[in-house]
Amino acid sequence: MLFLTEKDVKRALEGHNTYQEAVAVVEQVLRQQSEGSTFHLKRYTMTHPKYPGHLWHNIRILPGMVPGMGAAAVRVYSGYRGTNRSEVICLFGWSDMEMVAIISDYHLHAIRTASPYGVAAKYLSRTGSSTLGIIGTGRYARGMAQAVCAVRPIRKIKVYSRDPENVRKFCDSMRDALGIEVSAAPSGREAVRNTDIMITATSGNTVVFESGWLEPGVLFMSLAPGEFDEDTALRSRVFLSGSDQVLGDTPPRKPFDTLLASRKFKPEDVAAEFCDVVAGKNAGRQSESEIILYESPGMGLLDAGIGHWVFNRAVQKGLGTELPFGEEEQ
């Protein structure tokens, strides 16, 4: 069995086309999901008895299979927020389900989380989208910016965070990575103004913008539960990946939990399961002026696809450490 450390993963992902490849992998997984050939279970969350319903104090498990890619994996992680991250992908050989790798999943998870939003930008934003607004500056915000730039001709990024130093670091990093204009916005409102694509990528559970900021034609993509209010969902055409996960998550995913409870929003109000848009079964954007909302939760089939991809890259580069595992005692 191969063990891939964070250092191994980063080395495996070195190169100029990392996000283009990752977005393409996720697009392939979504097409197969639409075909009905993939398998995944909703994320199972075991909460800490002292912190029931808390977003962080828990253990979470996501299994998934993508037979068309020969990929099967389980992502296991906890809500631990210290420096020694507690999240791995366990990857299995397709023919016999032997565990072939344990992959440290901190750096890689940011890419896996971001890549569906690159696919969404490809299918749900206006074709000539050139300006991206972001609220949030962490690893997911950086990944989502790169995923969007992999599929759209973005020339300008505006970013806002409450911490000016985090904004400065984000701008410097993304200028180097993307070679385009990246500037600090003085407020969340200014980060969103006159943008083709808007992203919120924060720690979640707090509304970070006003519904009225959404302008005609914008694609709004949210990362974490609770970043937008009910009015935002109600004035948008809503596309979801894994709608069963988004609408039935544990803990409940705001604001859909209260919208469903009040029946202001019903499962059939989802415009389409996003994988069916990717596969061409359902329409995506229908006009240049409509506001579209997209959200993607964690799904085990995405971890399987991305885990399989990085494993193959690592093997090609001779990375990782072979570990004796599960061997019978002689």
Protein backbone atom coordinates (compact mmCIF):
# COMPACT_ATOMS: atom_id res chain seq x y z
CA MET A 1 0.00 0.00 0.00
CA LEU A 2 1.21 3.49 -0.88
CA PHE A 3 1.11 6.34 1.61
CA LEU A 4 1.13 9.85 0.13
CA THR A 5 2.06 12.66 2.50
CA GLU A 6 1.14 16.30 1.96
CA LYS A 7 4.58 16.82 0.43
CA ASP A 8 4.02 13.90 -1.94
CA VAL A 9 0.63 15.24 -3.00
CA LYS A 10 2.02 18.71 -3.71
CA ARG A 11 4.86 17.25 -5.78
CA ALA A 12 2.42 15.04 -7.69
CA LEU A 13 0.34 18.10 -8.55
CA GLU A 14 3.20 20.30 -9.72
CA GLY A 15 2.72 21.67 -13.21
CA HIS A 16 0.93 24.40 -15.13
CA ASN A 17 -2.18 22.43 -16.05
CA THR A 18 -3.16 21.09 -12.65
CA TYR A 19 -6.53 22.84 -12.44
CA GLN A 20 -7.36 22.20 -16.09
CA GLU A 21 -6.82 18.48 -15.44
CA ALA A 22 -8.69 18.48 -12.13
CA VAL A 23 -11.70 20.26 -13.64
CA ALA A 24 -11.68 17.78 -16.54
CA VAL A 25 -11.60 14.84 -14.08
CA VAL A 26 -14.60 16.19 -12.16
CA GLU A 27 -16.46 16.90 -15.42
CA GLN A 28 -15.91 13.26 -16.41
CA VAL A 29 -17.17 12.07 -13.01
CA LEU A 30 -20.30 14.23 -13.32
CA ARG A 31 -21.06 12.88 -16.79
CA GLN A 32 -20.88 9.36 -15.42
CA GLN A 33 -23.05 10.35 -12.48
CA SER A 34 -25.70 11.51 -14.95
CA GLU A 35 -25.46 8.17 -16.75
CA GLY A 36 -26.30 6.47 -13.46
CA SER A 37 -23.09 4.47 -13.41
CA THR A 38 -21.61 5.98 -10.23
CA PHE A 39 -22.36 5.14 -6.61
CA HIS A 40 -22.13 7.27 -3.49
CA LEU A 41 -23.73 7.58 -0.12
CA LYS A 42 -24.68 10.80 1.59
CA ARG A 43 -22.04 12.08 3.94
CA TYR A 44 -22.41 10.42 7.32
CA THR A 45 -21.66 12.69 10.25
CA MET A 46 -21.12 11.44 13.77
CA THR A 47 -21.32 14.39 16.12
CA HIS A 48 -19.40 14.83 19.35
CA PRO A 49 -21.73 14.22 22.34
CA LYS A 50 -20.57 17.45 23.97
CA TYR A 51 -21.12 19.50 20.78
CA PRO A 52 -24.31 18.20 19.12
CA GLY A 53 -24.93 19.78 15.73
CA HIS A 54 -21.65 21.68 15.78
CA LEU A 55 -20.06 22.28 12.38
CA TRP A 56 -16.55 21.27 13.45
CA HIS A 57 -16.65 18.78 16.35
CA ASN A 58 -17.53 15.62 14.43
CA ILE A 59 -16.30 12.68 12.36
CA ARG A 60 -17.41 12.49 8.73
CA ILE A 61 -17.31 9.68 6.16
CA LEU A 62 -17.95 9.86 2.40
CA PRO A 63 -17.72 6.72 0.22
CA GLY A 64 -17.98 6.72 -3.55
CA MET A 65 -17.35 4.65 -6.67
CA VAL A 66 -16.81 5.69 -10.30
CA PRO A 67 -16.68 2.40 -12.23
CA GLY A 68 -15.99 4.08 -15.56
CA MET A 69 -12.71 5.38 -14.13
CA GLY A 70 -11.95 2.27 -12.07
CA ALA A 71 -12.07 4.46 -8.97
CA ALA A 72 -13.34 3.70 -5.48
CA ALA A 73 -12.56 5.60 -2.31
CA VAL A 74 -13.69 6.68 1.12
CA ARG A 75 -12.85 10.09 2.50
CA VAL A 76 -12.54 10.09 6.29
CA TYR A 77 -12.02 13.27 8.24
CA SER A 78 -12.77 15.02 11.50
CA GLY A 79 -13.57 18.55 12.53
CA TYR A 80 -10.19 18.95 14.17
CA ARG A 81 -8.85 22.42 13.27
CA GLY A 82 -5.29 22.26 14.58
CA THR A 83 -2.09 22.22 12.55
CA ASN A 84 -1.98 18.41 12.28
CA ARG A 85 -4.88 17.95 9.88
CA SER A 86 -7.00 14.85 10.25
CA GLU A 87 -8.30 14.02 6.79
CA VAL A 88 -7.40 11.23 4.37
CA ILE A 89 -8.66 9.50 1.25
CA CYS A 90 -8.52 5.71 1.36
CA LEU A 91 -8.23 4.52 -2.25
CA PHE A 92 -9.13 0.99 -3.34
CA GLY A 93 -8.11 -1.12 -6.31
CA TRP A 94 -11.12 -1.54 -8.56
CA SER A 95 -10.81 -5.22 -9.46
CA ASP A 96 -10.59 -6.60 -5.94
CA MET A 97 -11.13 -3.62 -3.58
CA GLU A 98 -7.68 -3.97 -2.06
CA MET A 99 -6.67 -0.77 -0.29
CA VAL A 100 -3.93 0.59 -2.55
CA ALA A 101 -3.30 4.02 -1.02
CA ILE A 102 -3.89 6.34 1.89
CA ILE A 103 -3.64 9.92 0.68
CA SER A 104 -3.24 12.91 2.97
CA ASP A 105 -6.13 15.11 1.94
CA TYR A 106 -5.57 18.68 3.08
CA HIS A 107 -4.00 20.27 -0.01
CA LEU A 108 -5.77 17.90 -2.39
CA HIS A 109 -9.15 18.55 -0.81
CA ALA A 110 -8.95 22.23 -1.72
CA ILE A 111 -8.54 21.19 -5.37
CA ARG A 112 -11.34 18.62 -5.17
CA THR A 113 -13.65 21.15 -3.53
CA ALA A 114 -12.83 23.86 -6.05
CA SER A 115 -13.00 21.83 -9.26
CA PRO A 116 -16.81 21.38 -9.44
CA TYR A 117 -17.08 25.17 -9.40
CA GLY A 118 -14.83 25.32 -12.44
CA VAL A 119 -17.17 22.92 -14.21
CA ALA A 120 -20.14 25.04 -13.10
CA ALA A 121 -18.49 28.19 -14.47
CA LYS A 122 -18.06 26.40 -17.80
CA TYR A 123 -21.72 25.42 -18.07
CA LEU A 124 -23.63 28.10 -16.12
CA SER A 125 -21.79 31.41 -16.56
CA ARG A 126 -21.99 33.67 -19.59
CA THR A 127 -19.48 32.59 -22.23
CA GLY A 128 -17.48 35.81 -22.21
CA SER A 129 -17.30 36.14 -18.43
CA SER A 130 -14.15 38.12 -17.65
CA THR A 131 -14.54 39.49 -14.11
CA LEU A 132 -14.62 37.41 -10.93
CA GLY A 133 -15.57 38.67 -7.47
CA ILE A 134 -14.68 36.71 -4.35
CA ILE A 135 -15.52 37.09 -0.67
CA GLY A 136 -13.02 34.97 1.22
CA THR A 137 -9.26 34.45 0.89
CA GLY A 138 -8.50 30.93 2.18
CA ARG A 139 -7.31 27.83 0.35
CA TYR A 140 -10.77 27.14 -1.08
CA ALA A 141 -11.09 30.68 -2.43
CA ARG A 142 -7.70 30.31 -4.12
CA GLY A 143 -8.67 26.96 -5.58
CA MET A 144 -12.01 28.22 -6.85
CA ALA A 145 -10.35 31.22 -8.50
CA GLN A 146 -7.94 28.92 -10.35
CA ALA A 147 -10.71 26.49 -11.32
CA VAL A 148 -12.82 29.29 -12.80
CA CYS A 149 -9.83 30.75 -14.66
CA ALA A 150 -9.21 27.31 -16.17
CA VAL A 151 -12.49 27.50 -18.11
CA ARG A 152 -13.32 31.19 -18.58
CA PRO A 153 -11.29 34.14 -19.96
CA ILE A 154 -11.06 35.91 -16.60
CA ARG A 155 -9.03 39.10 -16.82
CA LYS A 156 -9.77 40.63 -13.42
CA ILE A 157 -10.39 39.32 -9.90
CA LYS A 158 -11.67 41.48 -7.04
CA VAL A 159 -11.42 40.03 -3.54
CA TYR A 160 -12.65 41.06 -0.11
CA SER A 161 -11.99 39.76 3.39
CA ARG A 162 -12.20 41.34 6.83
CA ASP A 163 -8.46 40.74 7.24
CA PRO A 164 -6.40 43.08 4.98
CA GLU A 165 -3.28 40.93 5.41
CA ASN A 166 -5.11 37.86 4.12
CA VAL A 167 -6.31 39.89 1.15
CA ARG A 168 -2.77 41.04 0.38
CA LYS A 169 -1.46 37.46 0.49
CA PHE A 170 -4.30 36.26 -1.72
CA CYS A 171 -3.65 38.97 -4.31
CA ASP A 172 0.08 38.30 -4.41
CA SER A 173 -0.41 34.54 -4.70
CA MET A 174 -3.08 34.69 -7.40
CA ARG A 175 -1.22 37.26 -9.48
CA ASP A 176 1.75 34.90 -9.53
CA ALA A 177 -0.39 31.84 -10.28
CA LEU A 178 -2.67 33.36 -12.91
CA GLY A 179 -0.81 36.31 -14.39
CA ILE A 180 -3.89 38.57 -14.37
CA GLU A 181 -5.12 41.61 -12.46
CA VAL A 182 -6.03 40.72 -8.86
CA SER A 183 -7.02 43.58 -6.58
CA ALA A 184 -8.35 44.18 -3.09
CA ALA A 185 -11.93 45.40 -2.84
CA PRO A 186 -12.74 47.88 -0.04
CA SER A 187 -15.96 46.03 0.83
CA GLY A 188 -17.91 42.93 0.02
CA ARG A 189 -20.29 45.07 -2.02
CA GLU A 190 -17.47 46.34 -4.19
CA ALA A 191 -16.09 42.83 -4.65
CA VAL A 192 -19.42 41.81 -6.15
CA ARG A 193 -20.23 44.95 -8.16
CA ASN A 194 -20.05 44.54 -11.96
CA THR A 195 -18.79 40.96 -11.85
CA ASP A 196 -19.79 38.14 -14.17
CA ILE A 197 -19.12 35.44 -11.58
CA MET A 198 -19.39 35.84 -7.81
CA ILE A 199 -17.97 33.42 -5.24
CA THR A 200 -18.34 33.23 -1.48
CA ALA A 201 -15.73 30.97 0.10
CA THR A 202 -15.73 31.59 3.83
CA SER A 203 -15.81 29.51 6.99
CA GLY A 204 -19.60 29.37 6.71
CA ASN A 205 -22.60 29.79 8.98
CA THR A 206 -22.62 33.58 8.50
CA VAL A 207 -24.38 35.52 5.74
CA VAL A 208 -21.65 37.57 4.05
CA PHE A 209 -23.54 39.58 1.44
CA GLU A 210 -26.96 41.01 0.66
CA SER A 211 -29.32 39.47 -1.84
CA GLY A 212 -29.78 42.83 -3.54
CA TRP A 213 -26.12 42.83 -4.58
CA LEU A 214 -26.80 40.15 -7.17
CA GLU A 215 -26.85 41.75 -10.62
CA PRO A 216 -28.61 40.44 -13.75
CA GLY A 217 -26.64 37.71 -15.48
CA VAL A 218 -24.35 36.84 -12.59
CA LEU A 219 -23.42 33.29 -11.67
CA PHE A 220 -23.25 33.10 -7.88
CA MET A 221 -21.43 30.12 -6.38
CA SER A 222 -21.37 29.39 -2.65
CA LEU A 223 -18.94 27.12 -0.85
CA ALA A 224 -20.09 26.86 2.76
CA PRO A 225 -23.49 26.53 4.46
CA GLY A 226 -25.04 29.78 5.62
CA GLU A 227 -23.14 32.22 3.38
CA PHE A 228 -26.32 33.53 1.70
CA ASP A 229 -29.87 34.25 2.81
CA GLU A 230 -33.26 32.93 1.73
CA ASP A 231 -33.93 35.82 -0.67
CA THR A 232 -30.77 34.94 -2.61
CA ALA A 233 -32.07 31.44 -3.30
CA LEU A 234 -35.56 32.66 -4.12
CA ARG A 235 -34.45 35.17 -6.76
CA SER A 236 -32.08 32.73 -8.47
CA ARG A 237 -32.37 29.67 -10.67
CA VAL A 238 -30.84 27.05 -8.40
CA PHE A 239 -28.56 24.28 -9.65
CA LEU A 240 -27.09 21.77 -7.20
CA SER A 241 -24.68 18.89 -7.30
CA GLY A 242 -25.92 16.15 -5.03
CA SER A 243 -29.19 17.89 -4.22
CA ASP A 244 -30.05 15.13 -1.75
CA GLN A 245 -26.90 16.04 0.17
CA VAL A 246 -27.48 19.80 0.04
CA LEU A 247 -31.17 19.61 0.99
CA GLY A 248 -30.74 16.87 3.59
CA ASP A 249 -27.32 17.50 5.08
CA THR A 250 -26.30 16.93 8.71
CA PRO A 251 -25.96 19.44 10.30
CA PRO A 252 -28.66 21.15 8.18
CA ARG A 253 -27.36 23.29 5.36
CA LYS A 254 -28.53 26.90 5.65
CA PRO A 255 -30.66 28.48 4.24
CA PHE A 256 -32.22 25.48 2.53
CA ASP A 257 -33.30 23.93 5.82
CA THR A 258 -35.56 26.86 6.72
CA LEU A 259 -36.71 27.34 3.13
CA LEU A 260 -37.83 23.71 2.96
CA ALA A 261 -39.49 23.88 6.37
CA SER A 262 -41.53 26.93 5.33
CA ARG A 263 -42.20 25.43 1.88
CA LYS A 264 -40.97 28.61 0.23
CA PHE A 265 -38.60 26.28 -1.60
CA LYS A 266 -39.26 22.66 -2.53
CA PRO A 267 -36.95 19.97 -3.95
CA GLU A 268 -38.65 20.32 -7.33
CA ASP A 269 -37.64 24.00 -7.39
CA VAL A 270 -34.06 22.93 -8.12
CA ALA A 271 -33.69 23.77 -11.82
CA ALA A 272 -31.67 20.60 -12.47
CA GLU A 273 -29.20 18.22 -10.95
CA PHE A 274 -25.99 19.76 -12.26
CA CYS A 275 -24.59 16.49 -13.61
CA ASP A 276 -27.52 16.38 -16.04
CA VAL A 277 -26.57 19.83 -17.35
CA VAL A 278 -23.02 18.60 -17.93
CA ALA A 279 -24.38 15.57 -19.79
CA GLY A 280 -26.66 17.74 -21.94
CA LYS A 281 -29.88 16.25 -20.56
CA ASN A 282 -31.10 19.53 -19.03
CA ALA A 283 -30.54 23.13 -19.99
CA GLY A 284 -28.21 25.34 -18.00
CA ARG A 285 -28.28 29.09 -18.51
CA GLN A 286 -31.31 30.12 -20.55
CA SER A 287 -30.69 33.86 -20.83
CA GLU A 288 -27.91 36.41 -20.48
CA SER A 289 -29.80 38.21 -17.71
CA GLU A 290 -30.90 35.44 -15.36
CA ILE A 291 -29.26 35.03 -11.96
CA ILE A 292 -27.98 31.51 -11.31
CA LEU A 293 -27.00 29.99 -7.97
CA TYR A 294 -24.79 26.91 -7.79
CA GLU A 295 -23.67 24.91 -4.79
CA SER A 296 -21.70 21.67 -4.52
CA PRO A 297 -21.43 19.64 -1.30
CA GLY A 298 -18.91 16.95 -0.55
CA MET A 299 -19.65 13.76 -2.52
CA GLY A 300 -17.67 10.56 -2.27
CA LEU A 301 -17.69 10.00 -6.03
CA LEU A 302 -15.68 13.24 -6.46
CA ASP A 303 -13.13 12.09 -3.88
CA ALA A 304 -12.86 8.77 -5.71
CA GLY A 305 -12.21 10.48 -9.05
CA ILE A 306 -9.72 13.03 -7.73
CA GLY A 307 -8.01 10.47 -5.47
CA HIS A 308 -7.56 8.09 -8.40
CA TRP A 309 -6.13 10.93 -10.51
CA VAL A 310 -3.55 12.11 -7.98
CA PHE A 311 -2.57 8.52 -7.15
CA ASN A 312 -1.74 7.85 -10.80
CA ARG A 313 0.27 11.08 -11.03
CA ALA A 314 2.19 10.14 -7.89
CA VAL A 315 2.98 6.65 -9.19
CA GLN A 316 4.22 8.09 -12.50
CA LYS A 317 6.60 10.34 -10.56
CA GLY A 318 7.76 7.60 -8.18
CA LEU A 319 6.33 9.36 -5.12
CA GLY A 320 5.02 7.97 -1.85
CA THR A 321 6.09 5.41 0.72
CA GLU A 322 5.23 1.74 0.50
CA LEU A 323 3.80 0.53 3.80
CA PRO A 324 3.17 -2.99 5.03
CA PHE A 325 -0.53 -3.04 5.74
CA GLY A 326 -2.96 -5.75 6.59
CA GLU A 327 -0.43 -8.51 6.04
CA GLU A 328 -1.15 -11.81 7.67
CA GLU A 329 1.29 -12.77 10.37
CA GLN A 330 3.57 -15.59 9.17
